[in-house]
Amino acid sequence: MTQENFEKLKNNILRRARGYAYFFNEEGIYCRIPVSEVAEADFLNVHMFPEEGDFWFEKFYITNLICENANLALKIICRLKEGDTFEKLGYYIKNTQLRTEEKLEDLERFITKIEKPQCMRTPENINEATFDFIYVNVNIVTEWKEDRKQYIKNNMDKILEKVVKKLTNDSTFKKYEVPINFLKVSRITLKNDSVLQFVLELKIR
C-alpha cells in the first residue's frame, strides 16, 4: 500500500459497528465516534439521508485503497483497534491472509446466477434422444474491483467446476445418460458484457 493511499484513507469511514463509526484521523490514528455525530463531522466518503438522520459510506472505494481483494481488505479493517496507527495497518496488510472458504466467497459474489443448461441438436440431427451441444450461461457482475477478464482467466477452473456441477444435477441432461467426462468445452464467450457462455460437446461426435 502506497503512502498516497494511506493519506487518502484519512477522514474516511472505514467501518460502522455497534453504534460507532471508525476512521483514521489527520494524525493517522484509528478513532471512533458515535454514529449520531457523523452528520456534523467532515468525512469525505459519507452520504447522509437527511430525512432519516442516517448515512451510508462508500466501502468499495476504501477497500480498493487497502488492497485489490475486497474480502481481504474488509478482514484487515475488522482487525483494527482504536488507537492503531497507519504502521499497524501496514503490518496487517502484510500479514493477513484469507482462508480458502473466504476466497471462494469472492467468486460467489462475482457469479450472480448459472442458468439452466440448454441441450441442443443441429438441424441435421433428428434423433430427439441425443444432443450435439450444451449451452450454459453464467451471469456475472458488470462492475468488479479488478479487471473482469483477468479475474475470469485466473478463476476459470473454479468457474468451470460450478458449470459442471450445475450440469451434473440438471434433470434434462440426466435423461441422456451421458457421463460428464464424455464432454469437453468447445467455446467460452463473454456475451453482452454480463454473461459468460460455455458451449460443451461430446469429445467424439
N, C-alpha and C. Protein backbone atom coordinates (compact mmCIF):
# COMPACT_ATOMS: atom_id res chain seq x y z
N MET A 1 0.85 -1.19 0.00
CA MET A 1 0.00 0.00 0.00
C MET A 1 0.88 1.24 0.00
N THR A 2 0.62 2.18 -0.88
CA THR A 2 1.47 3.36 -1.02
C THR A 2 1.16 4.41 0.04
N GLN A 3 2.11 5.31 0.26
CA GLN A 3 1.90 6.41 1.21
C GLN A 3 0.73 7.29 0.76
N GLU A 4 0.60 7.43 -0.55
CA GLU A 4 -0.52 8.22 -1.09
C GLU A 4 -1.86 7.61 -0.68
N ASN A 5 -1.96 6.28 -0.73
CA ASN A 5 -3.20 5.63 -0.32
C ASN A 5 -3.46 5.77 1.17
N PHE A 6 -2.38 5.74 1.96
CA PHE A 6 -2.54 5.97 3.40
C PHE A 6 -3.16 7.35 3.64
N GLU A 7 -2.66 8.34 2.91
CA GLU A 7 -3.17 9.70 3.07
C GLU A 7 -4.63 9.80 2.65
N LYS A 8 -4.99 9.06 1.61
CA LYS A 8 -6.37 9.10 1.12
C LYS A 8 -7.35 8.47 2.11
N LEU A 9 -6.84 7.61 2.99
CA LEU A 9 -7.72 6.96 3.97
C LEU A 9 -8.16 7.91 5.08
N LYS A 10 -7.40 8.99 5.29
CA LYS A 10 -7.72 9.91 6.37
C LYS A 10 -9.11 10.51 6.19
N ASN A 11 -9.83 10.59 7.31
CA ASN A 11 -11.17 11.19 7.33
C ASN A 11 -12.17 10.50 6.42
N ASN A 12 -11.98 9.21 6.23
CA ASN A 12 -12.95 8.38 5.53
C ASN A 12 -13.44 7.30 6.50
N ILE A 13 -14.74 7.06 6.53
CA ILE A 13 -15.27 6.00 7.36
C ILE A 13 -14.83 4.65 6.79
N LEU A 14 -14.22 3.84 7.62
CA LEU A 14 -13.80 2.50 7.21
C LEU A 14 -14.78 1.42 7.66
N ARG A 15 -15.44 1.69 8.78
CA ARG A 15 -16.29 0.66 9.36
C ARG A 15 -17.39 1.29 10.20
N ARG A 16 -18.53 0.61 10.25
CA ARG A 16 -19.62 1.01 11.13
C ARG A 16 -20.04 -0.23 11.92
N ALA A 17 -19.98 -0.14 13.25
CA ALA A 17 -20.31 -1.31 14.07
C ALA A 17 -20.71 -0.87 15.47
N ARG A 18 -21.75 -1.50 16.00
CA ARG A 18 -22.20 -1.30 17.39
C ARG A 18 -22.41 0.17 17.74
N GLY A 19 -22.98 0.92 16.80
CA GLY A 19 -23.31 2.32 17.07
C GLY A 19 -22.18 3.30 16.90
N TYR A 20 -21.02 2.84 16.38
CA TYR A 20 -19.88 3.73 16.18
C TYR A 20 -19.40 3.69 14.73
N ALA A 21 -18.81 4.79 14.31
CA ALA A 21 -18.16 4.88 13.00
C ALA A 21 -16.65 4.97 13.24
N TYR A 22 -15.88 4.18 12.48
CA TYR A 22 -14.43 4.09 12.69
C TYR A 22 -13.68 4.70 11.51
N PHE A 23 -12.57 5.40 11.80
CA PHE A 23 -11.81 6.12 10.77
C PHE A 23 -10.42 6.45 11.26
N PHE A 24 -9.52 6.81 10.32
CA PHE A 24 -8.20 7.35 10.65
C PHE A 24 -8.29 8.87 10.62
N ASN A 25 -7.84 9.52 11.69
CA ASN A 25 -7.89 10.98 11.73
C ASN A 25 -6.68 11.59 11.01
N GLU A 26 -6.53 12.88 11.07
CA GLU A 26 -5.46 13.58 10.37
C GLU A 26 -4.07 13.15 10.84
N GLU A 27 -3.98 12.68 12.09
CA GLU A 27 -2.69 12.23 12.62
C GLU A 27 -2.41 10.76 12.29
N GLY A 28 -3.33 10.13 11.57
CA GLY A 28 -3.14 8.72 11.21
C GLY A 28 -3.44 7.78 12.35
N ILE A 29 -4.31 8.19 13.26
CA ILE A 29 -4.70 7.36 14.40
C ILE A 29 -6.12 6.83 14.16
N TYR A 30 -6.33 5.56 14.43
CA TYR A 30 -7.64 4.95 14.24
C TYR A 30 -8.55 5.34 15.40
N CYS A 31 -9.66 5.99 15.06
CA CYS A 31 -10.57 6.55 16.06
C CYS A 31 -11.99 6.06 15.81
N ARG A 32 -12.87 6.42 16.74
CA ARG A 32 -14.29 6.15 16.54
C ARG A 32 -15.10 7.31 17.11
N ILE A 33 -16.29 7.52 16.53
CA ILE A 33 -17.24 8.48 17.08
C ILE A 33 -18.62 7.83 17.02
N PRO A 34 -19.54 8.27 17.86
CA PRO A 34 -20.89 7.73 17.79
C PRO A 34 -21.52 8.02 16.43
N VAL A 35 -22.31 7.11 15.94
CA VAL A 35 -22.98 7.28 14.65
C VAL A 35 -23.78 8.58 14.63
N SER A 36 -24.34 8.97 15.76
CA SER A 36 -25.17 10.18 15.83
C SER A 36 -24.38 11.46 15.56
N GLU A 37 -23.05 11.39 15.63
CA GLU A 37 -22.21 12.57 15.41
C GLU A 37 -21.63 12.65 14.01
N VAL A 38 -21.88 11.65 13.19
CA VAL A 38 -21.29 11.60 11.86
C VAL A 38 -21.73 12.77 11.00
N ALA A 39 -23.00 13.15 11.09
CA ALA A 39 -23.54 14.22 10.25
C ALA A 39 -22.79 15.53 10.44
N GLU A 40 -22.31 15.79 11.67
CA GLU A 40 -21.62 17.06 11.96
C GLU A 40 -20.13 16.99 11.62
N ALA A 41 -19.62 15.80 11.40
CA ALA A 41 -18.19 15.64 11.10
C ALA A 41 -17.93 15.82 9.60
N ASP A 42 -16.66 16.01 9.27
CA ASP A 42 -16.29 16.30 7.88
C ASP A 42 -15.65 15.08 7.23
N PHE A 43 -16.45 14.03 7.02
CA PHE A 43 -15.93 12.83 6.37
C PHE A 43 -16.09 12.93 4.86
N LEU A 44 -15.11 12.34 4.14
CA LEU A 44 -15.07 12.51 2.68
C LEU A 44 -15.98 11.53 1.95
N ASN A 45 -16.24 10.37 2.53
CA ASN A 45 -16.94 9.31 1.79
C ASN A 45 -18.34 9.03 2.34
N VAL A 46 -18.88 9.99 3.08
CA VAL A 46 -20.19 9.79 3.73
C VAL A 46 -21.29 10.51 2.96
N HIS A 47 -22.40 9.83 2.81
CA HIS A 47 -23.59 10.41 2.18
C HIS A 47 -24.75 10.28 3.16
N MET A 48 -25.37 11.40 3.48
CA MET A 48 -26.42 11.42 4.50
C MET A 48 -27.80 11.21 3.89
N PHE A 49 -28.66 10.64 4.70
CA PHE A 49 -30.09 10.60 4.42
C PHE A 49 -30.74 11.60 5.39
N PRO A 50 -30.89 12.87 4.98
CA PRO A 50 -31.34 13.91 5.92
C PRO A 50 -32.66 13.58 6.61
N GLU A 51 -33.58 13.00 5.86
CA GLU A 51 -34.89 12.71 6.44
C GLU A 51 -34.80 11.69 7.57
N GLU A 52 -33.83 10.77 7.45
CA GLU A 52 -33.71 9.70 8.43
C GLU A 52 -32.62 9.97 9.47
N GLY A 53 -31.81 10.98 9.22
CA GLY A 53 -30.70 11.26 10.13
C GLY A 53 -29.67 10.16 10.13
N ASP A 54 -29.55 9.44 9.03
CA ASP A 54 -28.63 8.31 8.94
C ASP A 54 -27.69 8.53 7.75
N PHE A 55 -26.74 7.61 7.55
CA PHE A 55 -25.76 7.78 6.48
C PHE A 55 -25.33 6.44 5.92
N TRP A 56 -24.75 6.48 4.74
CA TRP A 56 -24.04 5.33 4.18
C TRP A 56 -22.69 5.82 3.70
N PHE A 57 -21.73 4.91 3.60
CA PHE A 57 -20.39 5.32 3.17
C PHE A 57 -19.89 4.43 2.06
N GLU A 58 -19.02 4.97 1.21
CA GLU A 58 -18.51 4.26 0.03
C GLU A 58 -17.43 3.26 0.44
N LYS A 59 -17.87 2.04 0.72
CA LYS A 59 -16.97 1.00 1.19
C LYS A 59 -16.05 0.50 0.07
N PHE A 60 -16.59 0.41 -1.15
CA PHE A 60 -15.79 -0.11 -2.26
C PHE A 60 -14.55 0.76 -2.50
N TYR A 61 -14.73 2.07 -2.44
CA TYR A 61 -13.61 3.00 -2.63
C TYR A 61 -12.52 2.75 -1.58
N ILE A 62 -12.94 2.56 -0.34
CA ILE A 62 -11.99 2.37 0.75
C ILE A 62 -11.23 1.05 0.62
N THR A 63 -11.96 -0.04 0.38
CA THR A 63 -11.30 -1.34 0.30
C THR A 63 -10.30 -1.38 -0.85
N ASN A 64 -10.59 -0.65 -1.91
CA ASN A 64 -9.69 -0.61 -3.06
C ASN A 64 -8.37 0.08 -2.72
N LEU A 65 -8.39 1.00 -1.78
CA LEU A 65 -7.17 1.69 -1.37
C LEU A 65 -6.26 0.76 -0.57
N ILE A 66 -6.87 -0.19 0.16
CA ILE A 66 -6.10 -1.07 1.04
C ILE A 66 -5.46 -2.22 0.26
N CYS A 67 -6.25 -2.91 -0.55
CA CYS A 67 -5.71 -3.98 -1.40
C CYS A 67 -6.75 -4.32 -2.47
N GLU A 68 -6.35 -5.12 -3.46
CA GLU A 68 -7.22 -5.41 -4.59
C GLU A 68 -8.37 -6.35 -4.22
N ASN A 69 -8.14 -7.21 -3.23
CA ASN A 69 -9.16 -8.17 -2.84
C ASN A 69 -10.06 -7.55 -1.77
N ALA A 70 -11.34 -7.32 -2.10
CA ALA A 70 -12.26 -6.65 -1.18
C ALA A 70 -12.47 -7.45 0.10
N ASN A 71 -12.57 -8.78 -0.01
CA ASN A 71 -12.76 -9.61 1.18
C ASN A 71 -11.57 -9.51 2.14
N LEU A 72 -10.37 -9.49 1.57
CA LEU A 72 -9.18 -9.38 2.39
C LEU A 72 -9.12 -8.00 3.05
N ALA A 73 -9.46 -6.97 2.30
CA ALA A 73 -9.45 -5.61 2.85
C ALA A 73 -10.42 -5.48 4.02
N LEU A 74 -11.60 -6.06 3.88
CA LEU A 74 -12.59 -6.00 4.97
C LEU A 74 -12.10 -6.76 6.20
N LYS A 75 -11.41 -7.87 5.99
CA LYS A 75 -10.86 -8.63 7.11
C LYS A 75 -9.80 -7.81 7.83
N ILE A 76 -8.98 -7.09 7.07
CA ILE A 76 -7.95 -6.24 7.66
C ILE A 76 -8.58 -5.12 8.48
N ILE A 77 -9.61 -4.49 7.93
CA ILE A 77 -10.29 -3.40 8.64
C ILE A 77 -10.87 -3.90 9.96
N CYS A 78 -11.43 -5.09 9.96
CA CYS A 78 -12.04 -5.64 11.17
C CYS A 78 -11.00 -5.95 12.25
N ARG A 79 -9.74 -6.06 11.88
CA ARG A 79 -8.68 -6.34 12.86
C ARG A 79 -8.22 -5.06 13.57
N LEU A 80 -8.49 -3.91 12.97
CA LEU A 80 -8.04 -2.64 13.55
C LEU A 80 -8.73 -2.36 14.88
N LYS A 81 -7.96 -1.77 15.81
CA LYS A 81 -8.50 -1.38 17.11
C LYS A 81 -8.25 0.11 17.33
N GLU A 82 -9.10 0.71 18.12
CA GLU A 82 -8.97 2.13 18.42
C GLU A 82 -7.56 2.42 18.94
N GLY A 83 -6.92 3.43 18.36
CA GLY A 83 -5.56 3.79 18.75
C GLY A 83 -4.50 3.25 17.81
N ASP A 84 -4.87 2.31 16.93
CA ASP A 84 -3.91 1.79 15.95
C ASP A 84 -3.46 2.89 14.99
N THR A 85 -2.28 2.72 14.43
CA THR A 85 -1.70 3.70 13.51
C THR A 85 -1.64 3.13 12.09
N PHE A 86 -1.21 3.97 11.15
CA PHE A 86 -1.02 3.50 9.78
C PHE A 86 0.03 2.39 9.73
N GLU A 87 1.02 2.47 10.65
CA GLU A 87 2.04 1.42 10.70
C GLU A 87 1.40 0.08 11.04
N LYS A 88 0.45 0.09 11.95
CA LYS A 88 -0.24 -1.14 12.32
C LYS A 88 -1.08 -1.65 11.15
N LEU A 89 -1.72 -0.73 10.44
CA LEU A 89 -2.47 -1.12 9.26
C LEU A 89 -1.55 -1.77 8.23
N GLY A 90 -0.37 -1.20 8.01
CA GLY A 90 0.59 -1.78 7.08
C GLY A 90 1.01 -3.18 7.50
N TYR A 91 1.16 -3.38 8.82
CA TYR A 91 1.51 -4.71 9.33
C TYR A 91 0.40 -5.71 9.00
N TYR A 92 -0.86 -5.32 9.21
CA TYR A 92 -1.98 -6.21 8.92
C TYR A 92 -2.05 -6.53 7.43
N ILE A 93 -1.77 -5.55 6.60
CA ILE A 93 -1.82 -5.77 5.15
C ILE A 93 -0.80 -6.83 4.74
N LYS A 94 0.37 -6.80 5.36
CA LYS A 94 1.43 -7.75 5.02
C LYS A 94 1.21 -9.13 5.63
N ASN A 95 0.46 -9.20 6.72
CA ASN A 95 0.39 -10.45 7.48
C ASN A 95 -1.01 -11.05 7.62
N THR A 96 -1.95 -10.59 6.85
CA THR A 96 -3.30 -11.13 6.90
C THR A 96 -3.59 -11.88 5.61
N GLN A 97 -4.13 -13.08 5.75
CA GLN A 97 -4.46 -13.90 4.59
C GLN A 97 -5.89 -14.40 4.72
N LEU A 98 -6.48 -14.72 3.59
CA LEU A 98 -7.82 -15.30 3.57
C LEU A 98 -7.74 -16.81 3.65
N ARG A 99 -8.67 -17.41 4.35
CA ARG A 99 -8.81 -18.85 4.29
C ARG A 99 -9.41 -19.23 2.95
N THR A 100 -9.29 -20.49 2.56
CA THR A 100 -9.79 -20.95 1.26
C THR A 100 -11.26 -20.63 1.09
N GLU A 101 -12.08 -20.87 2.15
CA GLU A 101 -13.51 -20.65 2.02
C GLU A 101 -13.83 -19.17 1.84
N GLU A 102 -12.99 -18.28 2.40
CA GLU A 102 -13.21 -16.85 2.23
C GLU A 102 -12.90 -16.43 0.80
N LYS A 103 -11.90 -17.05 0.19
CA LYS A 103 -11.58 -16.74 -1.21
C LYS A 103 -12.72 -17.16 -2.13
N LEU A 104 -13.36 -18.27 -1.79
CA LEU A 104 -14.47 -18.75 -2.62
C LEU A 104 -15.66 -17.81 -2.54
N GLU A 105 -15.83 -17.12 -1.40
CA GLU A 105 -16.92 -16.18 -1.26
C GLU A 105 -16.82 -15.08 -2.32
N ASP A 106 -15.60 -14.73 -2.67
CA ASP A 106 -15.37 -13.73 -3.70
C ASP A 106 -16.01 -14.16 -5.01
N LEU A 107 -15.82 -15.42 -5.39
CA LEU A 107 -16.38 -15.96 -6.62
C LEU A 107 -17.90 -16.04 -6.55
N GLU A 108 -18.42 -16.30 -5.35
CA GLU A 108 -19.87 -16.37 -5.18
C GLU A 108 -20.50 -15.01 -5.49
N ARG A 109 -19.78 -13.95 -5.20
CA ARG A 109 -20.31 -12.61 -5.49
C ARG A 109 -20.14 -12.27 -6.97
N PHE A 110 -19.06 -12.78 -7.56
CA PHE A 110 -18.79 -12.49 -8.97
C PHE A 110 -19.83 -13.15 -9.88
N ILE A 111 -20.21 -14.39 -9.56
CA ILE A 111 -21.23 -15.10 -10.32
C ILE A 111 -22.59 -14.84 -9.67
N THR A 112 -23.49 -14.20 -10.41
CA THR A 112 -24.80 -13.90 -9.85
C THR A 112 -25.79 -15.05 -10.04
N LYS A 113 -25.64 -15.80 -11.13
CA LYS A 113 -26.55 -16.93 -11.37
C LYS A 113 -26.01 -17.79 -12.51
N ILE A 114 -26.21 -19.10 -12.40
CA ILE A 114 -25.92 -20.01 -13.51
C ILE A 114 -27.25 -20.50 -14.05
N GLU A 115 -27.53 -20.19 -15.31
CA GLU A 115 -28.83 -20.54 -15.91
C GLU A 115 -28.94 -22.04 -16.15
N LYS A 116 -30.16 -22.50 -16.34
CA LYS A 116 -30.41 -23.91 -16.64
C LYS A 116 -29.73 -24.27 -17.97
N PRO A 117 -28.97 -25.36 -18.00
CA PRO A 117 -28.31 -25.78 -19.25
C PRO A 117 -29.31 -26.06 -20.36
N GLN A 118 -28.92 -25.72 -21.59
CA GLN A 118 -29.76 -25.95 -22.76
C GLN A 118 -29.10 -26.98 -23.67
N CYS A 119 -29.72 -28.15 -23.81
CA CYS A 119 -29.20 -29.20 -24.69
C CYS A 119 -29.78 -29.01 -26.08
N MET A 120 -28.91 -28.87 -27.06
CA MET A 120 -29.35 -28.51 -28.41
C MET A 120 -28.89 -29.55 -29.44
N ARG A 121 -29.69 -29.67 -30.52
CA ARG A 121 -29.32 -30.52 -31.66
C ARG A 121 -29.11 -29.66 -32.88
N THR A 122 -28.24 -30.09 -33.77
CA THR A 122 -28.09 -29.42 -35.05
C THR A 122 -29.29 -29.75 -35.93
N PRO A 123 -29.60 -28.96 -36.94
CA PRO A 123 -30.75 -29.24 -37.82
C PRO A 123 -30.69 -30.62 -38.45
N GLU A 124 -29.47 -31.12 -38.67
CA GLU A 124 -29.32 -32.41 -39.33
C GLU A 124 -29.62 -33.58 -38.38
N ASN A 125 -29.60 -33.33 -37.10
CA ASN A 125 -29.81 -34.37 -36.11
C ASN A 125 -31.30 -34.43 -35.75
N ILE A 126 -31.97 -35.49 -36.19
CA ILE A 126 -33.42 -35.61 -35.93
C ILE A 126 -33.70 -36.57 -34.78
N ASN A 127 -32.66 -37.08 -34.17
CA ASN A 127 -32.81 -38.02 -33.05
C ASN A 127 -33.01 -37.23 -31.75
N GLU A 128 -34.24 -37.24 -31.26
CA GLU A 128 -34.55 -36.46 -30.07
C GLU A 128 -33.94 -37.03 -28.79
N ALA A 129 -33.40 -38.21 -28.88
CA ALA A 129 -32.79 -38.83 -27.71
C ALA A 129 -31.31 -38.46 -27.57
N THR A 130 -30.86 -37.57 -28.42
CA THR A 130 -29.45 -37.17 -28.40
C THR A 130 -29.34 -35.64 -28.37
N PHE A 131 -28.12 -35.18 -28.22
CA PHE A 131 -27.84 -33.74 -28.31
C PHE A 131 -26.48 -33.57 -28.99
N ASP A 132 -26.25 -32.39 -29.52
CA ASP A 132 -24.96 -32.09 -30.15
C ASP A 132 -24.15 -31.09 -29.32
N PHE A 133 -24.86 -30.14 -28.73
CA PHE A 133 -24.19 -29.10 -27.94
C PHE A 133 -25.00 -28.82 -26.68
N ILE A 134 -24.30 -28.35 -25.67
CA ILE A 134 -24.95 -27.88 -24.44
C ILE A 134 -24.46 -26.47 -24.17
N TYR A 135 -25.41 -25.55 -23.99
CA TYR A 135 -25.09 -24.17 -23.67
C TYR A 135 -25.39 -23.93 -22.18
N VAL A 136 -24.42 -23.35 -21.50
CA VAL A 136 -24.62 -22.98 -20.11
C VAL A 136 -24.22 -21.50 -19.95
N ASN A 137 -25.18 -20.67 -19.59
CA ASN A 137 -24.92 -19.25 -19.40
C ASN A 137 -24.66 -18.93 -17.94
N VAL A 138 -23.53 -18.31 -17.69
CA VAL A 138 -23.14 -17.92 -16.33
C VAL A 138 -23.24 -16.40 -16.24
N ASN A 139 -24.19 -15.92 -15.47
CA ASN A 139 -24.36 -14.47 -15.29
C ASN A 139 -23.33 -13.95 -14.31
N ILE A 140 -22.67 -12.85 -14.67
CA ILE A 140 -21.64 -12.28 -13.82
C ILE A 140 -21.91 -10.79 -13.59
N VAL A 141 -21.26 -10.23 -12.59
CA VAL A 141 -21.44 -8.81 -12.29
C VAL A 141 -20.84 -7.96 -13.40
N THR A 142 -21.41 -6.78 -13.62
CA THR A 142 -20.90 -5.90 -14.66
C THR A 142 -19.79 -4.98 -14.15
N GLU A 143 -19.71 -4.81 -12.84
CA GLU A 143 -18.65 -3.99 -12.24
C GLU A 143 -17.92 -4.83 -11.20
N TRP A 144 -16.59 -4.76 -11.22
CA TRP A 144 -15.79 -5.56 -10.30
C TRP A 144 -14.60 -4.77 -9.86
N LYS A 145 -13.97 -5.19 -8.76
CA LYS A 145 -12.87 -4.44 -8.17
C LYS A 145 -11.58 -4.54 -8.97
N GLU A 146 -11.52 -5.43 -9.94
CA GLU A 146 -10.34 -5.57 -10.79
C GLU A 146 -10.80 -5.90 -12.21
N ASP A 147 -9.86 -6.01 -13.11
CA ASP A 147 -10.21 -6.32 -14.50
C ASP A 147 -10.95 -7.64 -14.56
N ARG A 148 -12.18 -7.61 -15.05
CA ARG A 148 -13.02 -8.81 -15.02
C ARG A 148 -12.47 -9.93 -15.89
N LYS A 149 -11.95 -9.60 -17.06
CA LYS A 149 -11.44 -10.64 -17.95
C LYS A 149 -10.24 -11.35 -17.31
N GLN A 150 -9.41 -10.60 -16.63
CA GLN A 150 -8.27 -11.22 -15.96
C GLN A 150 -8.75 -12.06 -14.78
N TYR A 151 -9.77 -11.57 -14.08
CA TYR A 151 -10.32 -12.33 -12.96
C TYR A 151 -10.92 -13.66 -13.46
N ILE A 152 -11.63 -13.60 -14.58
CA ILE A 152 -12.19 -14.82 -15.17
C ILE A 152 -11.07 -15.80 -15.53
N LYS A 153 -10.02 -15.27 -16.15
CA LYS A 153 -8.89 -16.11 -16.54
C LYS A 153 -8.24 -16.77 -15.33
N ASN A 154 -8.07 -16.00 -14.25
CA ASN A 154 -7.43 -16.52 -13.05
C ASN A 154 -8.28 -17.57 -12.33
N ASN A 155 -9.60 -17.47 -12.51
CA ASN A 155 -10.50 -18.35 -11.76
C ASN A 155 -11.29 -19.29 -12.67
N MET A 156 -10.82 -19.50 -13.89
CA MET A 156 -11.57 -20.30 -14.85
C MET A 156 -11.82 -21.73 -14.36
N ASP A 157 -10.84 -22.33 -13.70
CA ASP A 157 -11.02 -23.70 -13.21
C ASP A 157 -12.18 -23.79 -12.21
N LYS A 158 -12.26 -22.82 -11.31
CA LYS A 158 -13.32 -22.82 -10.30
C LYS A 158 -14.68 -22.54 -10.94
N ILE A 159 -14.69 -21.63 -11.93
CA ILE A 159 -15.95 -21.33 -12.62
C ILE A 159 -16.44 -22.57 -13.37
N LEU A 160 -15.51 -23.25 -14.03
CA LEU A 160 -15.87 -24.46 -14.77
C LEU A 160 -16.39 -25.54 -13.81
N GLU A 161 -15.83 -25.63 -12.63
CA GLU A 161 -16.32 -26.59 -11.63
C GLU A 161 -17.79 -26.34 -11.32
N LYS A 162 -18.15 -25.08 -11.21
CA LYS A 162 -19.54 -24.72 -10.92
C LYS A 162 -20.45 -25.06 -12.09
N VAL A 163 -19.96 -24.85 -13.31
CA VAL A 163 -20.73 -25.20 -14.51
C VAL A 163 -20.96 -26.70 -14.57
N VAL A 164 -19.93 -27.46 -14.31
CA VAL A 164 -20.05 -28.93 -14.33
C VAL A 164 -21.02 -29.42 -13.27
N LYS A 165 -20.94 -28.82 -12.09
CA LYS A 165 -21.86 -29.20 -11.01
C LYS A 165 -23.31 -28.91 -11.39
N LYS A 166 -23.52 -27.73 -11.99
CA LYS A 166 -24.87 -27.37 -12.44
C LYS A 166 -25.37 -28.36 -13.48
N LEU A 167 -24.53 -28.72 -14.42
CA LEU A 167 -24.91 -29.65 -15.48
C LEU A 167 -25.16 -31.05 -14.92
N THR A 168 -24.31 -31.49 -14.02
CA THR A 168 -24.45 -32.83 -13.43
C THR A 168 -25.79 -33.01 -12.72
N ASN A 169 -26.27 -31.94 -12.11
CA ASN A 169 -27.51 -32.01 -11.34
C ASN A 169 -28.75 -31.65 -12.16
N ASP A 170 -28.56 -31.34 -13.44
CA ASP A 170 -29.68 -30.93 -14.27
C ASP A 170 -30.51 -32.13 -14.74
N SER A 171 -31.81 -32.08 -14.54
CA SER A 171 -32.68 -33.22 -14.87
C SER A 171 -32.72 -33.49 -16.37
N THR A 172 -32.70 -32.45 -17.19
CA THR A 172 -32.73 -32.64 -18.64
C THR A 172 -31.49 -33.38 -19.13
N PHE A 173 -30.32 -32.97 -18.61
CA PHE A 173 -29.07 -33.62 -19.01
C PHE A 173 -29.04 -35.07 -18.54
N LYS A 174 -29.57 -35.33 -17.36
CA LYS A 174 -29.53 -36.69 -16.80
C LYS A 174 -30.26 -37.70 -17.69
N LYS A 175 -31.31 -37.26 -18.36
CA LYS A 175 -32.09 -38.21 -19.15
C LYS A 175 -31.33 -38.77 -20.34
N TYR A 176 -30.25 -38.08 -20.76
CA TYR A 176 -29.45 -38.58 -21.88
C TYR A 176 -28.49 -39.69 -21.43
N GLU A 177 -28.29 -39.81 -20.14
CA GLU A 177 -27.42 -40.85 -19.57
C GLU A 177 -26.02 -40.81 -20.19
N VAL A 178 -25.50 -39.62 -20.32
CA VAL A 178 -24.15 -39.42 -20.84
C VAL A 178 -23.22 -39.04 -19.68
N PRO A 179 -22.16 -39.79 -19.43
CA PRO A 179 -21.21 -39.44 -18.37
C PRO A 179 -20.62 -38.05 -18.61
N ILE A 180 -20.47 -37.30 -17.54
CA ILE A 180 -19.98 -35.93 -17.67
C ILE A 180 -18.58 -35.86 -18.26
N ASN A 181 -17.78 -36.91 -18.05
CA ASN A 181 -16.42 -36.89 -18.59
C ASN A 181 -16.35 -37.19 -20.08
N PHE A 182 -17.52 -37.42 -20.70
CA PHE A 182 -17.58 -37.58 -22.15
C PHE A 182 -17.69 -36.23 -22.86
N LEU A 183 -17.80 -35.17 -22.06
CA LEU A 183 -17.97 -33.82 -22.63
C LEU A 183 -16.67 -33.03 -22.58
N LYS A 184 -16.58 -32.08 -23.49
CA LYS A 184 -15.46 -31.13 -23.49
C LYS A 184 -16.00 -29.74 -23.76
N VAL A 185 -15.28 -28.75 -23.28
CA VAL A 185 -15.67 -27.36 -23.55
C VAL A 185 -15.13 -26.97 -24.91
N SER A 186 -16.03 -26.57 -25.81
CA SER A 186 -15.59 -26.20 -27.16
C SER A 186 -15.46 -24.69 -27.33
N ARG A 187 -16.20 -23.93 -26.49
CA ARG A 187 -16.12 -22.47 -26.65
C ARG A 187 -16.57 -21.79 -25.35
N ILE A 188 -15.90 -20.68 -25.04
CA ILE A 188 -16.30 -19.83 -23.91
C ILE A 188 -16.35 -18.40 -24.44
N THR A 189 -17.49 -17.75 -24.27
CA THR A 189 -17.67 -16.41 -24.83
C THR A 189 -18.28 -15.48 -23.79
N LEU A 190 -17.76 -14.25 -23.71
CA LEU A 190 -18.36 -13.22 -22.87
C LEU A 190 -19.37 -12.46 -23.72
N LYS A 191 -20.66 -12.60 -23.39
CA LYS A 191 -21.72 -12.02 -24.19
C LYS A 191 -22.41 -10.89 -23.44
N ASN A 192 -22.66 -9.80 -24.16
CA ASN A 192 -23.38 -8.64 -23.60
C ASN A 192 -22.72 -8.10 -22.34
N ASP A 193 -21.44 -8.40 -22.18
CA ASP A 193 -20.64 -7.89 -21.07
C ASP A 193 -21.10 -8.41 -19.70
N SER A 194 -22.07 -9.33 -19.67
CA SER A 194 -22.57 -9.79 -18.38
C SER A 194 -22.88 -11.29 -18.33
N VAL A 195 -22.64 -11.99 -19.44
CA VAL A 195 -22.91 -13.42 -19.50
C VAL A 195 -21.70 -14.16 -20.04
N LEU A 196 -21.20 -15.09 -19.27
CA LEU A 196 -20.10 -15.95 -19.71
C LEU A 196 -20.73 -17.25 -20.20
N GLN A 197 -20.71 -17.45 -21.51
CA GLN A 197 -21.40 -18.61 -22.10
C GLN A 197 -20.41 -19.74 -22.38
N PHE A 198 -20.73 -20.90 -21.80
CA PHE A 198 -19.95 -22.11 -22.03
C PHE A 198 -20.70 -22.99 -23.05
N VAL A 199 -19.99 -23.46 -24.04
CA VAL A 199 -20.56 -24.40 -25.00
C VAL A 199 -19.78 -25.70 -24.86
N LEU A 200 -20.51 -26.78 -24.58
CA LEU A 200 -19.90 -28.10 -24.42
C LEU A 200 -20.40 -29.03 -25.49
N GLU A 201 -19.57 -30.01 -25.87
CA GLU A 201 -19.96 -31.01 -26.84
C GLU A 201 -19.32 -32.35 -26.49
N LEU A 202 -19.76 -33.39 -27.12
CA LEU A 202 -19.16 -34.70 -26.90
C LEU A 202 -17.74 -34.73 -27.43
N LYS A 203 -16.86 -35.40 -26.71
CA LYS A 203 -15.47 -35.49 -27.15
C LYS A 203 -15.36 -36.20 -28.48
N ILE A 204 -16.23 -37.18 -28.73
CA ILE A 204 -16.25 -37.88 -30.03
C ILE A 204 -17.65 -37.73 -30.60
N ARG A 205 -17.74 -37.06 -31.73
CA ARG A 205 -19.06 -36.82 -32.35
C ARG A 205 -19.12 -37.49 -33.70
